[in-house]
Protein backbone atom coordinates (compact mmCIF):
# COMPACT_ATOMS: atom_id res chain seq x y z
CA MET A 1 -0.16 0.21 -0.09
CA LYS A 2 1.36 3.22 -1.08
CA ILE A 3 2.31 5.79 2.19
CA ASN A 4 0.59 9.00 1.54
CA ASP A 5 1.62 12.21 3.19
CA ASP A 6 -1.50 12.22 5.54
CA HIS A 7 -0.45 9.08 6.54
CA LEU A 8 2.89 10.26 8.13
CA TYR A 9 1.90 13.18 9.43
CA HIS A 10 -1.48 12.24 10.64
CA GLY A 11 0.41 9.07 11.96
CA ALA A 12 2.53 11.70 14.36
CA ALA A 13 -0.45 12.74 16.39
CA LEU A 14 -2.31 9.28 16.26
CA THR A 15 1.33 7.66 17.87
CA GLN A 16 1.25 10.24 20.55
CA ILE A 17 -2.64 9.61 21.41
CA ALA A 18 -1.85 5.78 21.25
CA GLU A 19 1.23 6.05 23.85
CA HIS A 20 -1.16 8.01 26.45
CA PRO A 21 -2.00 6.22 29.22
CA SER A 22 -5.65 6.58 29.07
CA PHE A 23 -5.72 5.20 25.42
CA LYS A 24 -7.59 2.41 24.66
CA ALA A 25 -8.83 2.28 20.95
CA ILE A 26 -8.49 4.00 17.36
CA ASN A 27 -10.57 3.88 14.67
CA ALA A 28 -10.83 5.57 11.14
CA TYR A 29 -14.38 7.23 11.37
CA ALA A 30 -16.57 5.84 8.63
CA GLN A 31 -19.79 7.77 7.79
CA ASN A 32 -22.30 5.59 5.19
CA GLY A 33 -19.17 3.17 4.93
CA VAL A 34 -16.90 5.55 3.48
CA ARG A 35 -13.61 5.98 5.94
CA SER A 36 -12.47 9.47 6.69
CA ARG A 37 -8.61 10.27 5.62
CA SER A 38 -8.61 13.17 8.64
CA ALA A 39 -10.96 12.01 11.15
CA PHE A 40 -10.81 9.32 13.78
CA LEU A 41 -12.80 7.84 17.01
CA ILE A 42 -10.63 7.59 19.85
CA ASN A 43 -11.88 5.19 22.68
CA THR A 44 -14.81 5.15 21.04
CA ASP A 45 -16.28 8.70 22.42
CA ILE A 46 -13.57 11.47 21.42
CA GLY A 47 -13.28 12.58 17.94
CA ILE A 48 -9.80 13.79 16.35
CA TYR A 49 -9.95 15.46 13.11
CA LEU A 50 -6.07 16.29 12.01
CA LYS A 51 -4.79 18.62 9.38
CA TYR A 52 -1.34 19.20 8.78
CA ALA A 53 0.89 21.47 7.35
CA SER A 54 4.51 21.57 6.31
CA GLU A 55 6.28 25.19 7.11
CA ALA A 56 5.28 28.03 8.43
CA VAL A 57 5.12 30.57 5.53
CA GLY A 58 4.95 34.53 4.77
CA ALA A 59 6.26 37.37 6.85
CA TYR A 60 4.70 36.23 9.80
CA ASP A 61 5.62 32.44 9.81
CA GLU A 62 2.25 31.09 9.87
CA PHE A 63 1.07 27.96 9.68
CA ILE A 64 -1.59 27.83 7.58
CA PHE A 65 -4.98 25.30 7.83
CA THR A 66 -8.26 25.92 5.64
CA PHE A 67 -11.16 24.24 6.30
CA HIS A 68 -13.46 24.05 3.35
CA GLN A 69 -17.10 23.16 3.74
CA HIS A 70 -16.83 19.21 3.67
CA HIS A 71 -14.33 19.42 6.39
CA LEU A 72 -16.65 21.51 8.31
CA LYS A 73 -19.58 18.85 7.35
CA GLU A 74 -17.60 16.06 8.12
CA LEU A 75 -16.35 17.82 11.95
CA SER A 76 -19.98 18.25 12.30
CA GLU A 77 -21.00 14.44 11.81
CA LEU A 78 -18.40 13.95 13.85
CA VAL A 79 -20.03 15.75 16.84
CA ASP A 80 -23.01 14.08 16.17
CA LYS A 81 -21.33 10.67 17.07
CA THR A 82 -18.93 11.40 20.15
CA ALA A 83 -18.75 13.11 23.25
CA LYS A 84 -16.30 15.71 22.49
CA VAL A 85 -14.35 16.41 19.26
CA PHE A 86 -10.85 18.21 18.76
CA VAL A 87 -9.11 19.52 15.84
CA GLY A 88 -5.26 18.52 16.09
CA LEU A 89 -3.07 20.84 13.56
CA VAL A 90 0.36 19.26 12.86
CA CYS A 91 2.84 21.64 12.38
CA ILE A 92 5.43 19.39 10.56
CA SER A 93 8.54 21.70 10.94
CA GLU A 94 8.07 22.29 14.21
CA ARG A 95 7.28 19.08 15.19
CA HIS A 96 4.15 20.15 17.75
CA ILE A 97 0.95 19.71 17.53
CA CYS A 98 -1.48 22.65 18.03
CA CYS A 99 -5.01 20.92 19.67
CA LEU A 100 -8.29 23.04 19.68
CA ALA A 101 -11.59 22.07 20.99
CA TYR A 102 -14.26 22.00 18.07
CA GLU A 103 -16.10 24.62 20.06
CA THR A 104 -13.33 26.82 19.73
CA LEU A 105 -12.76 26.55 16.44
CA LEU A 106 -16.71 26.91 15.88
CA SER A 107 -16.54 30.23 17.98
CA MET A 108 -13.62 31.23 15.64
CA ILE A 109 -15.55 30.79 12.45
CA LYS A 110 -19.00 32.62 13.74
CA ALA A 111 -16.96 35.58 14.94
CA ARG A 112 -15.42 35.98 11.39
CA GLN A 113 -18.98 35.21 9.86
CA ARG A 114 -20.21 38.20 12.32
CA GLU A 115 -17.26 40.50 11.24
CA ASN A 116 -17.63 39.31 7.58
CA GLY A 117 -21.60 39.58 7.66
CA GLY A 118 -21.96 36.12 6.49
CA PRO A 119 -20.43 32.99 5.76
CA GLU A 120 -17.76 32.40 3.72
CA ASN A 121 -16.95 28.75 1.37
CA SER A 122 -14.08 28.40 3.34
CA TYR A 123 -12.22 29.49 6.65
CA THR A 124 -8.44 29.81 7.69
CA VAL A 125 -6.94 29.19 11.01
CA LEU A 126 -3.68 30.40 11.30
CA VAL A 127 -1.03 28.95 13.81
CA THR A 128 2.35 30.41 14.80
CA LEU A 129 5.21 29.02 17.24
CA LYS A 130 7.67 31.29 18.17
CA LYS A 131 11.08 30.08 20.05
CA GLY A 132 10.00 29.49 23.91
CA GLN A 133 6.43 30.18 23.36
CA ARG A 134 2.97 28.98 23.20
CA PHE A 135 0.90 28.18 19.81
CA ARG A 136 -1.06 31.60 18.82
CA ALA A 137 -3.82 30.16 16.79
CA TYR A 138 -6.22 33.03 15.29
CA MET A 139 -8.31 33.91 11.88
CA SER A 140 -7.37 37.11 10.19
CA ILE A 141 -10.03 39.69 10.17
CA PRO A 142 -11.93 40.09 6.48
CA GLY A 143 -10.87 42.71 4.38
CA ARG A 144 -8.20 43.71 6.74
CA LYS A 145 -4.41 43.06 6.83
CA LYS A 146 -2.11 41.96 9.20
CA MET A 147 -5.21 42.08 11.88
CA LYS A 148 -5.85 38.97 13.72
CA MET A 149 -9.12 38.04 15.53
CA CYS A 150 -9.86 35.46 18.21
CA GLU A 151 -6.83 34.68 19.42
CA GLN A 152 -6.11 31.09 21.63
CA ILE A 153 -3.27 30.80 23.12
CA ILE A 154 -2.31 27.06 23.26
CA PRO A 155 0.49 25.41 25.46
CA ARG A 156 3.00 23.66 23.10
CA ASP A 157 2.90 20.38 25.33
CA ASP A 158 -1.12 20.31 25.33
CA PHE A 159 -1.33 17.47 23.14
CA PRO A 160 -2.75 14.71 23.72
CA ASP A 161 -3.40 15.20 27.30
CA CYS A 162 -6.21 17.94 26.12
CA VAL A 163 -7.97 14.98 24.17
CA PHE A 164 -8.47 12.73 27.18
CA SER A 165 -8.96 15.33 30.15
């Protein structure tokens, strides 16, 4: 079987989850018989949706994670099947994983919709990780350059403990 990039990079997150003392089982999430390449069930009641970015880009060294409507639909379906859902943002060149609760992602999206005056086709979460600091996860303010909104400050070593807490 061919190894795809998501196998490698999602595998980094899944390995850390599997090494956690509270870990019991992991399965690919399937909807209508179709297995997801990004969504997984942990211990049958926890959902994790994984995305990865190879390198930080631009003047602000941001990892870019774009959520299209089909990603958000899959996340919504995962929420219906589990007690809690997390989004794992694998920052490859930094070798760290930024983890957001699904509710946090949703509140960021809703804030951006309010700023924008309505929904968009996709939403981008930007993540920075400066040396010796915590993750900064945020969205940009629509139509305004260099302006961020909904910034979340997340400890570097929060993952995978946050998934099991």
